Amino acid sequence: MFIKRKKSWDLPESEVTDYQVYKNRRQFLNTAISVGLASALPSVGLAKPVDELKVYETLKKSQFSTDEEKTTFEAITTYNNFYEFGTSKEAPSLYATEFPDESKPWRVEIDGECENPGVFEYDDLVKPFTMEERIYRMRCVEGWSMVIPWIGFPLGELLKQAKPTSKAKFVEFTTLYDPEQMPGQRRDVLEWPYVEGLRIDEAMHPLTILSVGLYGKELLGQNGAPIRLVVPWKYGFKSIKSIVRIRFVEKMPYTAWVKANASEYGFYSNVNPNVDHPRWSQRKERRIGEFLKRDTLMFNGYGDDVAELYTGMDLKRYF
């Protein structure tokens, strides 16, 4: 008899249950918390009130933005996967309220196979770039989705300044490791720090951005402040948060979820309704805020822009 044993990376019920069902159940079990999440916005889960967040006054509009209805600010900031703060959906908004610590300067190291490595203060890193609003679909590997109005700039513009050498075939990204600020790192849910990676042509693609905000304001801790990756044609876990290192490498990075379970979370993780996750179908998704499921689009609807990156590749093998 086959007995399924729960693995450390298995998702709790709150992370695979439909958002509306899950939310209603939480309301029944813990009225005080749920009422707070529903009615106290924007104070719940925010390090400071929304009117105190930095506002990006002038934003370039992007040709890559979708015209689909945007997910609400409340949902985007209170329904998150960020295991560094806990494995439940509400944990990041509860435990990232003081993150990042403003008393600790945020620096990003760029190194590896490039001619211009260096360690950069956050402001020095982002100041040279024109900020854009990119309204992107986001599809989670768990089967839910959002439409998020990100603020950021093309990652490729930053990478070009580093001047990668001919040996640079991949780009590796690393999240901050600081268990004092990130209590979820005190548990062995994943191997910390969180590491993700892209092939260099994926990283250079104009759809790939570094985000520093959403809905016209700076990022909150639960959404990956102060700077995160956004790759809209891949499942959400590829878009690593709170980046402190960008490294050009010759070999494919050994990423966090590949380490945890390579048979379920492949390196590429392109949104593909024709390749199911071993434990659930990927053909449908539930858009947060909607009741009925919708069809999942190949490459999350960005196939016209990115399909050529995978010409000749077996997308079932390189999942």
Protein backbone atom coordinates (compact mmCIF):
# COMPACT_ATOMS: atom_id res chain seq x y z
CA MET A 1 0.00 0.00 0.00
CA PHE A 2 1.27 3.44 -0.92
CA ILE A 3 1.25 5.81 2.04
CA LYS A 4 1.86 9.45 1.21
CA ARG A 5 4.11 11.05 3.80
CA LYS A 6 3.95 14.77 4.28
CA LYS A 7 7.13 16.49 3.15
CA SER A 8 8.54 19.67 4.64
CA TRP A 9 7.65 21.57 1.46
CA ASP A 10 4.06 20.29 1.20
CA LEU A 11 1.64 23.20 1.13
CA PRO A 12 -0.70 23.74 4.08
CA GLU A 13 -4.42 23.82 3.32
CA SER A 14 -4.49 27.62 3.41
CA GLU A 15 -2.17 27.73 0.40
CA VAL A 16 -4.07 25.39 -1.94
CA THR A 17 -7.65 26.23 -0.96
CA ASP A 18 -9.41 28.77 -3.12
CA TYR A 19 -8.83 32.26 -1.75
CA GLN A 20 -12.49 33.08 -1.14
CA VAL A 21 -13.19 29.76 0.59
CA TYR A 22 -10.03 30.07 2.65
CA LYS A 23 -10.84 33.67 3.57
CA ASN A 24 -14.39 32.77 4.63
CA ARG A 25 -13.11 29.92 6.77
CA ARG A 26 -10.60 32.21 8.43
CA GLN A 27 -13.40 34.66 9.13
CA PHE A 28 -15.39 31.95 10.85
CA LEU A 29 -12.46 30.64 12.88
CA ASN A 30 -10.92 33.96 13.81
CA THR A 31 -13.29 36.88 13.34
CA ALA A 32 -11.07 39.45 14.95
CA ILE A 33 -8.13 38.86 12.64
CA SER A 34 -10.18 38.63 9.48
CA VAL A 35 -12.19 41.73 10.24
CA GLY A 36 -8.92 43.53 10.78
CA LEU A 37 -7.58 42.37 7.44
CA ALA A 38 -10.75 43.33 5.65
CA SER A 39 -11.54 46.63 7.29
CA ALA A 40 -8.31 48.10 8.61
CA LEU A 41 -6.56 48.45 5.27
CA PRO A 42 -4.29 50.23 4.74
CA SER A 43 -3.02 50.03 8.31
CA VAL A 44 -2.89 46.24 8.76
CA GLY A 45 0.33 44.67 7.56
CA LEU A 46 1.95 47.96 6.66
CA ALA A 47 5.12 49.29 8.26
CA LYS A 48 3.70 52.76 7.78
CA PRO A 49 0.38 54.17 6.52
CA VAL A 50 -0.14 54.22 2.78
CA ASP A 51 -0.07 58.01 2.72
CA GLU A 52 3.49 57.87 4.11
CA LEU A 53 4.82 55.51 1.47
CA LYS A 54 7.06 56.95 -1.20
CA VAL A 55 5.01 57.90 -4.26
CA TYR A 56 6.39 57.59 -7.80
CA GLU A 57 5.00 60.74 -9.36
CA THR A 58 6.15 60.31 -12.97
CA LEU A 59 5.94 56.85 -14.45
CA LYS A 60 6.56 55.76 -18.00
CA LYS A 61 3.67 53.72 -19.37
CA SER A 62 4.65 50.40 -20.86
CA GLN A 63 3.59 48.76 -24.10
CA PHE A 64 3.79 45.45 -22.27
CA SER A 65 1.02 46.26 -19.79
CA THR A 66 -2.22 44.28 -19.87
CA ASP A 67 -5.57 46.08 -19.83
CA GLU A 68 -7.10 43.42 -17.58
CA GLU A 69 -8.73 44.49 -14.32
CA LYS A 70 -6.12 44.95 -11.61
CA THR A 71 -6.21 42.94 -8.39
CA THR A 72 -6.97 45.11 -5.37
CA PHE A 73 -4.19 46.63 -3.30
CA GLU A 74 -5.60 44.81 -0.26
CA ALA A 75 -5.32 41.38 -1.86
CA ILE A 76 -1.86 42.02 -3.30
CA THR A 77 -0.53 43.12 0.09
CA THR A 78 -2.24 40.55 2.35
CA TYR A 79 -2.22 37.35 0.25
CA ASN A 80 1.41 36.46 -0.34
CA ASN A 81 3.94 33.67 -0.55
CA PHE A 82 7.11 34.81 1.18
CA TYR A 83 8.34 31.88 3.26
CA GLU A 84 10.99 34.01 4.91
CA PHE A 85 8.12 35.36 7.00
CA GLY A 86 6.04 32.20 7.33
CA THR A 87 4.22 29.66 5.17
CA SER A 88 0.65 30.96 5.50
CA LYS A 89 -0.70 33.55 3.11
CA GLU A 90 -1.24 36.16 5.82
CA ALA A 91 2.12 35.65 7.57
CA PRO A 92 4.12 38.09 5.38
CA SER A 93 1.69 40.96 6.01
CA LEU A 94 1.79 40.23 9.74
CA TYR A 95 5.53 39.70 10.20
CA ALA A 96 7.09 41.95 7.55
CA THR A 97 5.69 45.16 8.99
CA GLU A 98 9.14 46.42 10.04
CA PHE A 99 10.96 45.04 7.02
CA PRO A 100 13.33 46.13 5.69
CA ASP A 101 14.95 47.70 8.72
CA GLU A 102 15.56 51.29 7.67
CA SER A 103 18.52 51.51 10.03
CA LYS A 104 20.38 48.92 7.94
CA PRO A 105 21.49 50.20 4.52
CA TRP A 106 20.31 47.99 1.68
CA ARG A 107 23.08 46.96 -0.67
CA VAL A 108 23.11 44.78 -3.76
CA GLU A 109 26.26 43.02 -4.89
CA ILE A 110 26.76 42.37 -8.60
CA ASP A 111 29.58 39.97 -9.35
CA GLY A 112 30.65 36.81 -11.14
CA GLU A 113 31.43 36.67 -14.85
CA CYS A 114 31.29 40.40 -15.58
CA GLU A 115 33.70 43.27 -16.17
CA ASN A 116 32.09 45.77 -13.79
CA PRO A 117 31.35 44.05 -10.49
CA GLY A 118 30.55 46.06 -7.40
CA VAL A 119 28.48 46.57 -4.28
CA PHE A 120 25.82 49.23 -4.68
CA GLU A 121 23.70 51.17 -2.24
CA TYR A 122 20.03 50.82 -3.12
CA ASP A 123 19.60 54.47 -4.17
CA ASP A 124 22.70 54.38 -6.33
CA LEU A 125 21.50 51.17 -7.97
CA VAL A 126 18.05 52.39 -9.02
CA LYS A 127 18.56 56.13 -9.51
CA PRO A 128 19.92 55.94 -13.10
CA PHE A 129 16.81 54.21 -14.42
CA THR A 130 13.46 55.58 -15.60
CA MET A 131 10.67 54.00 -13.62
CA GLU A 132 7.84 52.37 -15.56
CA GLU A 133 4.44 51.04 -14.63
CA ARG A 134 4.13 47.45 -15.84
CA ILE A 135 0.69 45.91 -15.33
CA TYR A 136 1.43 42.20 -15.47
CA ARG A 137 -0.46 39.00 -14.95
CA MET A 138 1.03 36.88 -12.16
CA ARG A 139 0.33 33.14 -12.08
CA CYS A 140 1.22 31.14 -8.97
CA VAL A 141 2.24 27.51 -9.32
CA GLU A 142 -0.48 26.76 -6.74
CA GLY A 143 -3.22 27.66 -9.22
CA TRP A 144 -4.22 31.21 -8.34
CA SER A 145 -3.41 34.44 -10.13
CA MET A 146 -3.41 38.23 -9.87
CA VAL A 147 -2.96 41.29 -12.08
CA ILE A 148 -0.38 43.60 -10.47
CA PRO A 149 0.60 47.16 -11.43
CA TRP A 150 4.33 46.94 -10.75
CA ILE A 151 6.77 49.84 -10.79
CA GLY A 152 10.27 49.13 -11.97
CA PHE A 153 12.75 49.04 -14.83
CA PRO A 154 14.07 46.39 -17.23
CA LEU A 155 16.61 44.12 -15.57
CA GLY A 156 18.55 44.00 -18.82
CA GLU A 157 19.42 47.70 -18.53
CA LEU A 158 21.20 47.03 -15.24
CA LEU A 159 22.90 43.86 -16.47
CA LYS A 160 24.32 45.61 -19.52
CA GLN A 161 26.08 48.10 -17.26
CA ALA A 162 27.82 45.22 -15.51
CA LYS A 163 29.16 44.03 -18.89
CA PRO A 164 28.81 40.25 -18.59
CA THR A 165 31.59 38.24 -20.20
CA SER A 166 31.15 35.48 -22.77
CA LYS A 167 31.22 32.95 -19.91
CA ALA A 168 28.02 34.35 -18.41
CA LYS A 169 25.30 31.90 -19.41
CA PHE A 170 22.98 32.36 -16.42
CA VAL A 171 22.13 34.98 -13.81
CA GLU A 172 21.78 33.92 -10.17
CA PHE A 173 19.82 35.96 -7.62
CA THR A 174 19.97 35.72 -3.82
CA THR A 175 17.55 36.99 -1.17
CA LEU A 176 18.68 38.57 2.08
CA TYR A 177 19.50 36.10 4.85
CA ASP A 178 18.67 37.66 8.22
CA PRO A 179 16.62 35.48 10.61
CA GLU A 180 16.24 38.40 13.00
CA GLN A 181 14.29 40.35 10.37
CA MET A 182 12.88 37.29 8.62
CA PRO A 183 11.52 34.88 11.26
CA GLY A 184 10.58 32.24 8.69
CA GLN A 185 14.29 31.63 8.09
CA ARG A 186 14.50 30.14 11.58
CA ARG A 187 12.71 27.08 10.18
CA ASP A 188 14.08 24.64 7.62
CA VAL A 189 11.22 25.09 5.18
CA LEU A 190 13.76 25.70 2.40
CA GLU A 191 17.51 25.95 2.27
CA TRP A 192 18.30 29.57 3.08
CA PRO A 193 19.08 32.00 1.66
CA TYR A 194 16.57 31.76 -1.16
CA VAL A 195 18.28 31.48 -4.53
CA GLU A 196 16.73 31.77 -7.99
CA GLY A 197 18.09 32.02 -11.49
CA LEU A 198 17.42 32.74 -15.13
CA ARG A 199 19.17 31.94 -18.37
CA ILE A 200 20.90 35.12 -19.46
CA ASP A 201 18.65 35.65 -22.48
CA GLU A 202 15.63 35.39 -20.17
CA ALA A 203 17.19 37.90 -17.81
CA MET A 204 17.90 40.29 -20.67
CA HIS A 205 14.41 40.01 -22.14
CA PRO A 206 12.52 43.34 -22.06
CA LEU A 207 9.61 41.77 -20.15
CA THR A 208 11.88 40.94 -17.20
CA ILE A 209 11.99 43.76 -14.67
CA LEU A 210 13.32 44.67 -11.28
CA SER A 211 10.41 46.07 -9.30
CA VAL A 212 10.66 48.69 -6.55
CA GLY A 213 6.97 49.42 -6.10
CA LEU A 214 3.35 48.72 -6.99
CA TYR A 215 0.16 50.75 -7.30
CA GLY A 216 2.24 53.91 -7.66
CA LYS A 217 4.02 53.51 -4.31
CA GLU A 218 7.13 51.86 -2.92
CA LEU A 219 7.11 48.12 -2.21
CA LEU A 220 6.05 46.82 1.17
CA GLY A 221 8.01 44.14 2.97
CA GLN A 222 5.52 41.39 2.18
CA ASN A 223 5.84 42.11 -1.54
CA GLY A 224 9.65 41.87 -1.65
CA ALA A 225 10.89 45.31 -0.61
CA PRO A 226 13.01 47.09 -1.46
CA ILE A 227 13.78 45.41 -4.80
CA ARG A 228 12.58 42.20 -6.40
CA LEU A 229 12.51 40.36 -9.70
CA VAL A 230 9.36 40.04 -11.84
CA VAL A 231 9.28 37.52 -14.71
CA PRO A 232 5.64 37.45 -15.82
CA TRP A 233 5.68 34.36 -18.04
CA LYS A 234 7.02 32.14 -15.25
CA TYR A 235 5.34 30.87 -12.09
CA GLY A 236 5.52 33.39 -9.28
CA PHE A 237 8.19 31.68 -7.19
CA LYS A 238 10.74 32.48 -9.91
CA SER A 239 10.31 36.20 -9.17
CA ILE A 240 12.66 36.32 -6.20
CA LYS A 241 12.11 38.98 -3.53
CA SER A 242 14.37 41.25 -1.46
CA ILE A 243 17.46 40.76 -3.62
CA VAL A 244 20.93 41.35 -2.19
CA ARG A 245 23.07 39.66 -4.84
CA ILE A 246 23.04 39.32 -8.63
CA ARG A 247 25.73 37.00 -9.96
CA PHE A 248 26.69 36.06 -13.54
CA VAL A 249 27.55 32.37 -13.72
CA GLU A 250 28.54 29.83 -16.34
CA LYS A 251 26.47 26.92 -14.98
CA MET A 252 22.76 26.72 -14.19
CA PRO A 253 22.15 27.97 -10.63
CA TYR A 254 21.04 25.42 -8.05
CA THR A 255 17.89 27.20 -7.00
CA ALA A 256 15.92 26.94 -3.76
CA TRP A 257 12.96 25.00 -5.10
CA VAL A 258 15.09 22.73 -7.28
CA LYS A 259 16.99 21.83 -4.10
CA ALA A 260 13.73 21.19 -2.27
CA ASN A 261 12.02 19.10 -4.95
CA ALA A 262 13.37 19.17 -8.49
CA SER A 263 10.71 16.75 -9.75
CA GLU A 264 7.95 19.24 -8.91
CA TYR A 265 9.61 22.65 -9.31
CA GLY A 266 11.89 22.75 -12.32
CA PHE A 267 14.45 25.42 -13.10
CA TYR A 268 12.51 26.98 -15.97
CA SER A 269 9.00 26.91 -14.45
CA ASN A 270 7.36 28.55 -17.42
CA VAL A 271 3.59 28.80 -17.05
CA ASN A 272 2.35 25.83 -19.07
CA PRO A 273 -1.24 24.53 -18.85
CA ASN A 274 -0.17 21.37 -20.69
CA VAL A 275 2.27 20.28 -17.97
CA ASP A 276 0.55 19.55 -14.69
CA HIS A 277 2.17 19.82 -11.32
CA PRO A 278 2.44 16.23 -10.01
CA ARG A 279 -0.18 17.00 -7.36
CA TRP A 280 -2.63 19.25 -9.24
CA SER A 281 -3.65 20.40 -12.69
CA GLN A 282 -2.28 23.59 -14.20
CA ARG A 283 -4.98 23.94 -16.86
CA LYS A 284 -7.13 26.32 -14.81
CA GLU A 285 -6.49 29.14 -12.38
CA ARG A 286 -8.56 31.23 -10.01
CA ARG A 287 -8.01 34.96 -10.30
CA ILE A 288 -8.05 36.47 -6.83
CA GLY A 289 -11.32 38.38 -6.47
CA GLU A 290 -13.20 36.15 -8.95
CA PHE A 291 -15.36 33.12 -8.21
CA LEU A 292 -15.10 31.04 -11.37
CA LYS A 293 -11.87 29.55 -12.65
CA ARG A 294 -10.42 30.62 -15.98
CA ASP A 295 -8.16 28.85 -18.48
CA THR A 296 -4.45 29.25 -17.89
CA LEU A 297 -2.63 30.71 -20.88
CA MET A 298 0.59 29.32 -22.27
CA PHE A 299 3.50 31.41 -20.98
CA ASN A 300 0.83 33.21 -18.92
CA GLY A 301 -0.32 34.97 -22.08
CA TYR A 302 3.12 36.29 -23.04
CA GLY A 303 3.88 33.65 -25.65
CA ASP A 304 4.07 36.09 -28.57
CA ASP A 305 6.98 37.78 -26.79
CA VAL A 306 8.87 34.87 -25.24
CA ALA A 307 8.07 31.60 -27.04
CA GLU A 308 11.07 32.02 -29.34
CA LEU A 309 13.37 31.75 -26.31
CA TYR A 310 12.46 28.05 -26.12
CA THR A 311 12.49 27.06 -29.79
CA GLY A 312 13.45 23.41 -30.08
CA MET A 313 13.16 22.73 -26.35
CA ASP A 314 10.93 19.99 -24.97
CA LEU A 315 8.91 22.01 -22.47
CA LYS A 316 7.78 18.88 -20.66
CA ARG A 317 11.38 17.93 -20.01
CA TYR A 318 12.59 21.46 -19.32
CA PHE A 319 9.65 22.36 -17.11
